[in-house]
């Protein structure tokens, strides 16, 4: 029997790697940062696959096949992963609008229109 992916563990592992990347950044250890980001990318891809499998149809219609060029973020307080992309409704416009597709540890998926990245 295969083990089901545990989002909580995946989120924690990604966050631990993120902390290590920040430490390496402070030490200007760019080769280690590259290795860490490769590990994070594997986790991001796995989380994105779970998102795609569980997304409602309206979200499935607009998300890309893979998360390649999407910006990825993690909200540690809300235990949510964010996959940020340009809103396809505005792709022919000069103005760029962003949407974020989120997934939490319970596989709850939602879409945030007019998403803005907080500084």
N, C-alpha and C. Protein backbone atom coordinates (compact mmCIF):
# COMPACT_ATOMS: atom_id res chain seq x y z
N UNK A 1 0.85 -1.18 0.00
CA UNK A 1 0.00 0.00 0.00
C UNK A 1 0.89 1.24 0.00
N UNK A 2 0.67 2.14 -0.96
CA UNK A 2 1.51 3.33 -1.05
C UNK A 2 1.01 4.40 -0.10
N UNK A 3 1.94 5.15 0.41
CA UNK A 3 1.61 6.22 1.35
C UNK A 3 1.09 7.43 0.59
N UNK A 4 -0.04 7.97 1.03
CA UNK A 4 -0.59 9.19 0.44
C UNK A 4 0.31 10.37 0.80
N UNK A 5 0.52 11.29 -0.12
CA UNK A 5 1.35 12.46 0.20
C UNK A 5 0.71 13.26 1.34
N UNK A 6 1.51 13.66 2.28
CA UNK A 6 1.04 14.42 3.42
C UNK A 6 1.41 15.89 3.19
N UNK A 7 0.40 16.70 2.90
CA UNK A 7 0.66 18.11 2.60
C UNK A 7 1.32 18.83 3.76
N UNK A 8 0.91 18.52 4.96
CA UNK A 8 1.49 19.20 6.12
C UNK A 8 3.00 18.95 6.17
N UNK A 9 3.41 17.70 5.94
CA UNK A 9 4.84 17.37 5.94
C UNK A 9 5.55 18.04 4.77
N UNK A 10 4.91 18.08 3.61
CA UNK A 10 5.52 18.72 2.44
C UNK A 10 5.69 20.22 2.68
N UNK A 11 4.67 20.85 3.26
CA UNK A 11 4.75 22.28 3.55
C UNK A 11 5.90 22.54 4.53
N UNK A 12 5.99 21.71 5.56
CA UNK A 12 7.03 21.89 6.57
C UNK A 12 8.42 21.71 5.97
N UNK A 13 8.57 20.68 5.14
CA UNK A 13 9.87 20.43 4.50
C UNK A 13 10.26 21.61 3.60
N UNK A 14 9.30 22.13 2.83
CA UNK A 14 9.57 23.28 1.96
C UNK A 14 10.00 24.48 2.80
N UNK A 15 9.30 24.72 3.90
CA UNK A 15 9.60 25.86 4.77
C UNK A 15 10.97 25.70 5.43
N UNK A 16 11.31 24.48 5.84
CA UNK A 16 12.63 24.23 6.42
C UNK A 16 13.72 24.53 5.39
N UNK A 17 13.49 24.09 4.16
CA UNK A 17 14.45 24.37 3.08
C UNK A 17 14.55 25.87 2.83
N UNK A 18 13.42 26.57 2.92
CA UNK A 18 13.41 28.01 2.72
C UNK A 18 14.27 28.71 3.78
N UNK A 19 14.18 28.25 5.01
CA UNK A 19 15.00 28.82 6.09
C UNK A 19 16.48 28.59 5.81
N UNK A 20 16.82 27.39 5.33
CA UNK A 20 18.21 27.09 4.98
C UNK A 20 18.69 27.96 3.83
N UNK A 21 17.81 28.21 2.86
CA UNK A 21 18.17 29.07 1.73
C UNK A 21 18.46 30.49 2.22
N UNK A 22 17.67 30.97 3.16
CA UNK A 22 17.89 32.31 3.69
C UNK A 22 19.23 32.40 4.43
N UNK A 23 19.55 31.33 5.19
CA UNK A 23 20.86 31.29 5.86
C UNK A 23 21.98 31.33 4.84
N UNK A 24 21.86 30.54 3.80
CA UNK A 24 22.89 30.48 2.75
C UNK A 24 23.00 31.81 2.02
N UNK A 25 21.86 32.49 1.84
CA UNK A 25 21.87 33.79 1.19
C UNK A 25 22.69 34.77 2.02
N UNK A 26 22.52 34.73 3.33
CA UNK A 26 23.28 35.61 4.21
C UNK A 26 24.78 35.32 4.16
N UNK A 27 25.13 34.10 3.81
CA UNK A 27 26.54 33.70 3.71
C UNK A 27 27.03 33.76 2.26
N UNK A 28 26.19 34.21 1.35
CA UNK A 28 26.52 34.28 -0.08
C UNK A 28 26.95 32.92 -0.64
N UNK A 29 26.32 31.86 -0.11
CA UNK A 29 26.64 30.49 -0.56
C UNK A 29 25.65 30.11 -1.67
N UNK A 30 25.91 30.64 -2.86
CA UNK A 30 24.96 30.49 -3.96
C UNK A 30 24.87 29.07 -4.50
N UNK A 31 25.94 28.29 -4.39
CA UNK A 31 25.85 26.90 -4.85
C UNK A 31 24.91 26.11 -3.96
N UNK A 32 24.92 26.38 -2.67
CA UNK A 32 24.00 25.69 -1.76
C UNK A 32 22.57 26.16 -1.98
N UNK A 33 22.39 27.44 -2.26
CA UNK A 33 21.05 27.97 -2.55
C UNK A 33 20.47 27.27 -3.76
N UNK A 34 21.28 27.07 -4.77
CA UNK A 34 20.82 26.40 -5.99
C UNK A 34 20.36 24.97 -5.67
N UNK A 35 21.11 24.24 -4.85
CA UNK A 35 20.73 22.88 -4.45
C UNK A 35 19.42 22.89 -3.66
N UNK A 36 19.32 23.84 -2.76
CA UNK A 36 18.10 23.94 -1.94
C UNK A 36 16.89 24.24 -2.83
N UNK A 37 17.04 25.18 -3.76
CA UNK A 37 15.93 25.54 -4.65
C UNK A 37 15.51 24.35 -5.51
N UNK A 38 16.48 23.52 -5.92
CA UNK A 38 16.13 22.32 -6.69
C UNK A 38 15.25 21.38 -5.85
N UNK A 39 15.59 21.24 -4.57
CA UNK A 39 14.78 20.40 -3.67
C UNK A 39 13.41 21.01 -3.46
N UNK A 40 13.37 22.33 -3.30
CA UNK A 40 12.08 23.00 -3.13
C UNK A 40 11.22 22.84 -4.38
N UNK A 41 11.82 22.92 -5.53
CA UNK A 41 11.09 22.79 -6.80
C UNK A 41 10.40 21.43 -6.90
N UNK A 42 11.08 20.38 -6.45
CA UNK A 42 10.48 19.05 -6.46
C UNK A 42 9.23 19.02 -5.58
N UNK A 43 9.32 19.65 -4.41
CA UNK A 43 8.18 19.71 -3.50
C UNK A 43 7.06 20.55 -4.11
N UNK A 44 7.41 21.70 -4.69
CA UNK A 44 6.41 22.57 -5.33
C UNK A 44 5.67 21.82 -6.43
N UNK A 45 6.41 21.07 -7.24
CA UNK A 45 5.78 20.30 -8.31
C UNK A 45 4.82 19.25 -7.76
N UNK A 46 5.20 18.59 -6.68
CA UNK A 46 4.34 17.57 -6.07
C UNK A 46 3.08 18.20 -5.50
N UNK A 47 3.23 19.35 -4.84
CA UNK A 47 2.06 20.05 -4.29
C UNK A 47 1.14 20.50 -5.43
N UNK A 48 1.73 20.98 -6.51
CA UNK A 48 0.94 21.44 -7.65
C UNK A 48 0.15 20.28 -8.27
N UNK A 49 0.74 19.10 -8.32
CA UNK A 49 0.03 17.93 -8.84
C UNK A 49 -1.19 17.62 -7.97
N UNK A 50 -1.03 17.73 -6.66
CA UNK A 50 -2.16 17.50 -5.74
C UNK A 50 -3.22 18.57 -5.98
N UNK A 51 -2.78 19.81 -6.17
CA UNK A 51 -3.72 20.91 -6.45
C UNK A 51 -4.51 20.59 -7.71
N UNK A 52 -3.82 20.20 -8.78
CA UNK A 52 -4.51 19.91 -10.04
C UNK A 52 -5.52 18.78 -9.89
N UNK A 53 -5.16 17.75 -9.15
CA UNK A 53 -6.07 16.61 -8.96
C UNK A 53 -7.33 16.99 -8.20
N UNK A 54 -7.22 17.97 -7.31
CA UNK A 54 -8.33 18.30 -6.41
C UNK A 54 -9.03 19.61 -6.73
N UNK A 55 -8.56 20.32 -7.74
CA UNK A 55 -9.13 21.63 -8.07
C UNK A 55 -10.52 21.51 -8.66
N UNK A 56 -11.39 22.48 -8.33
CA UNK A 56 -12.70 22.52 -8.99
C UNK A 56 -12.52 22.81 -10.48
N UNK A 57 -13.50 22.47 -11.28
CA UNK A 57 -13.41 22.59 -12.74
C UNK A 57 -13.06 24.00 -13.21
N UNK A 58 -13.63 25.04 -12.58
CA UNK A 58 -13.35 26.40 -13.03
C UNK A 58 -11.87 26.76 -12.88
N UNK A 59 -11.22 26.20 -11.89
CA UNK A 59 -9.79 26.44 -11.70
C UNK A 59 -8.98 25.55 -12.64
N UNK A 60 -9.40 24.31 -12.81
CA UNK A 60 -8.68 23.40 -13.72
C UNK A 60 -8.60 23.97 -15.13
N UNK A 61 -9.63 24.70 -15.53
CA UNK A 61 -9.68 25.26 -16.89
C UNK A 61 -8.62 26.31 -17.14
N UNK A 62 -8.18 27.01 -16.09
CA UNK A 62 -7.28 28.15 -16.32
C UNK A 62 -5.83 27.89 -15.89
N UNK A 63 -5.59 26.88 -15.09
CA UNK A 63 -4.22 26.69 -14.61
C UNK A 63 -3.36 25.98 -15.66
N UNK A 64 -2.07 26.31 -15.67
CA UNK A 64 -1.17 25.65 -16.61
C UNK A 64 -0.96 24.18 -16.25
N UNK A 65 -0.42 23.43 -17.20
CA UNK A 65 -0.14 22.01 -16.99
C UNK A 65 0.85 21.79 -15.84
N UNK A 66 1.85 22.67 -15.76
CA UNK A 66 2.79 22.57 -14.63
C UNK A 66 3.03 23.96 -14.07
N UNK A 67 3.65 24.01 -12.91
CA UNK A 67 3.79 25.30 -12.23
C UNK A 67 5.04 26.06 -12.66
N UNK A 68 5.76 25.54 -13.64
CA UNK A 68 7.01 26.10 -14.15
C UNK A 68 7.29 27.56 -13.91
N UNK A 69 6.57 28.45 -14.57
CA UNK A 69 6.86 29.88 -14.49
C UNK A 69 6.06 30.60 -13.41
N UNK A 70 5.24 29.88 -12.69
CA UNK A 70 4.43 30.53 -11.66
C UNK A 70 5.30 30.90 -10.47
N UNK A 71 4.95 31.99 -9.83
CA UNK A 71 5.60 32.34 -8.58
C UNK A 71 4.93 31.52 -7.49
N UNK A 72 5.74 31.05 -6.56
CA UNK A 72 5.23 30.19 -5.50
C UNK A 72 5.54 30.85 -4.17
N UNK A 73 4.56 30.79 -3.27
CA UNK A 73 4.77 31.32 -1.92
C UNK A 73 4.08 30.45 -0.91
N UNK A 74 4.50 30.61 0.33
CA UNK A 74 3.92 29.81 1.41
C UNK A 74 3.60 30.71 2.58
N UNK A 75 2.36 30.66 3.03
CA UNK A 75 1.91 31.41 4.20
C UNK A 75 1.97 30.46 5.39
N UNK A 76 2.96 30.66 6.26
CA UNK A 76 3.15 29.75 7.39
C UNK A 76 2.02 29.85 8.41
N UNK A 77 1.43 31.02 8.57
CA UNK A 77 0.35 31.17 9.55
C UNK A 77 -0.93 30.49 9.08
N UNK A 78 -1.22 30.61 7.78
CA UNK A 78 -2.45 30.02 7.26
C UNK A 78 -2.24 28.64 6.67
N UNK A 79 -0.99 28.15 6.69
CA UNK A 79 -0.66 26.85 6.10
C UNK A 79 -1.23 26.73 4.69
N UNK A 80 -0.90 27.73 3.85
CA UNK A 80 -1.38 27.74 2.47
C UNK A 80 -0.21 27.95 1.53
N UNK A 81 -0.25 27.22 0.44
CA UNK A 81 0.69 27.43 -0.65
C UNK A 81 -0.02 28.27 -1.69
N UNK A 82 0.69 29.24 -2.24
CA UNK A 82 0.18 30.13 -3.27
C UNK A 82 0.90 29.87 -4.58
N UNK A 83 0.15 29.70 -5.63
CA UNK A 83 0.69 29.61 -6.98
C UNK A 83 0.14 30.82 -7.72
N UNK A 84 1.02 31.77 -8.03
CA UNK A 84 0.60 33.06 -8.60
C UNK A 84 0.89 33.07 -10.10
N UNK A 85 -0.11 33.52 -10.85
CA UNK A 85 0.02 33.58 -12.30
C UNK A 85 -0.71 34.81 -12.83
N UNK A 86 -0.44 35.15 -14.08
CA UNK A 86 -1.18 36.23 -14.70
C UNK A 86 -2.60 35.76 -14.99
N UNK A 87 -3.54 36.63 -14.75
CA UNK A 87 -4.94 36.31 -14.98
C UNK A 87 -5.18 36.20 -16.49
N UNK A 88 -5.60 35.02 -16.96
CA UNK A 88 -5.80 34.85 -18.41
C UNK A 88 -6.87 35.78 -19.00
N UNK A 89 -7.78 36.28 -18.18
CA UNK A 89 -8.80 37.21 -18.67
C UNK A 89 -8.18 38.52 -19.14
N UNK A 90 -6.98 38.83 -18.64
CA UNK A 90 -6.34 40.11 -18.95
C UNK A 90 -5.09 39.93 -19.81
N UNK A 91 -4.88 38.75 -20.40
CA UNK A 91 -3.62 38.52 -21.10
C UNK A 91 -3.44 39.38 -22.35
N UNK A 92 -4.50 39.91 -22.93
CA UNK A 92 -4.38 40.77 -24.10
C UNK A 92 -4.35 42.25 -23.74
N UNK A 93 -4.43 42.56 -22.48
CA UNK A 93 -4.45 43.94 -22.01
C UNK A 93 -3.04 44.39 -21.62
N UNK A 94 -2.83 45.69 -21.60
CA UNK A 94 -1.53 46.21 -21.18
C UNK A 94 -1.34 46.07 -19.67
N UNK A 95 -2.44 46.19 -18.96
CA UNK A 95 -2.39 46.09 -17.51
C UNK A 95 -2.27 44.62 -17.09
N UNK A 96 -1.39 44.35 -16.16
CA UNK A 96 -1.21 42.97 -15.69
C UNK A 96 -2.02 42.77 -14.42
N UNK A 97 -2.85 41.75 -14.43
CA UNK A 97 -3.61 41.36 -13.25
C UNK A 97 -3.12 39.97 -12.85
N UNK A 98 -2.99 39.77 -11.56
CA UNK A 98 -2.54 38.48 -11.05
C UNK A 98 -3.67 37.75 -10.34
N UNK A 99 -3.61 36.44 -10.41
CA UNK A 99 -4.48 35.61 -9.59
C UNK A 99 -3.59 34.63 -8.84
N UNK A 100 -4.06 34.22 -7.70
CA UNK A 100 -3.34 33.21 -6.92
C UNK A 100 -4.28 32.03 -6.71
N UNK A 101 -3.75 30.87 -6.93
CA UNK A 101 -4.48 29.64 -6.62
C UNK A 101 -3.83 29.10 -5.36
N UNK A 102 -4.64 28.86 -4.34
CA UNK A 102 -4.10 28.41 -3.06
C UNK A 102 -4.55 26.99 -2.74
N UNK A 103 -3.71 26.31 -1.96
CA UNK A 103 -4.06 25.00 -1.44
C UNK A 103 -3.56 24.95 0.00
N UNK A 104 -4.41 24.43 0.88
CA UNK A 104 -4.00 24.32 2.27
C UNK A 104 -3.77 22.85 2.63
N UNK A 105 -3.44 22.59 3.90
CA UNK A 105 -3.10 21.23 4.30
C UNK A 105 -4.29 20.27 4.22
N UNK A 106 -5.51 20.82 4.13
CA UNK A 106 -6.71 19.99 4.00
C UNK A 106 -7.14 19.80 2.55
N UNK A 107 -6.28 20.23 1.61
CA UNK A 107 -6.53 20.18 0.18
C UNK A 107 -7.68 21.10 -0.24
N UNK A 108 -7.94 22.12 0.55
CA UNK A 108 -8.92 23.14 0.18
C UNK A 108 -8.26 24.07 -0.82
N UNK A 109 -8.89 24.23 -1.96
CA UNK A 109 -8.31 25.01 -3.05
C UNK A 109 -9.21 26.21 -3.33
N UNK A 110 -8.58 27.37 -3.48
CA UNK A 110 -9.35 28.57 -3.79
C UNK A 110 -8.57 29.45 -4.74
N UNK A 111 -9.27 30.43 -5.29
CA UNK A 111 -8.66 31.36 -6.22
C UNK A 111 -8.85 32.77 -5.68
N UNK A 112 -7.77 33.55 -5.73
CA UNK A 112 -7.81 34.95 -5.30
C UNK A 112 -7.59 35.80 -6.54
N UNK A 113 -8.65 36.49 -6.98
CA UNK A 113 -8.55 37.39 -8.14
C UNK A 113 -7.95 38.71 -7.67
N UNK A 114 -7.37 39.45 -8.62
CA UNK A 114 -6.72 40.73 -8.32
C UNK A 114 -5.72 40.59 -7.17
N UNK A 115 -4.95 39.52 -7.23
CA UNK A 115 -3.96 39.24 -6.18
C UNK A 115 -2.84 40.26 -6.25
N UNK A 116 -2.39 40.72 -5.09
CA UNK A 116 -1.23 41.60 -5.05
C UNK A 116 -0.23 41.02 -4.06
N UNK A 117 1.02 41.15 -4.42
CA UNK A 117 2.09 40.61 -3.58
C UNK A 117 2.43 41.66 -2.55
N UNK A 118 2.25 41.29 -1.28
CA UNK A 118 2.54 42.22 -0.19
C UNK A 118 4.04 42.28 0.04
N UNK A 119 4.48 43.45 0.40
CA UNK A 119 5.92 43.61 0.63
C UNK A 119 6.23 43.52 2.09
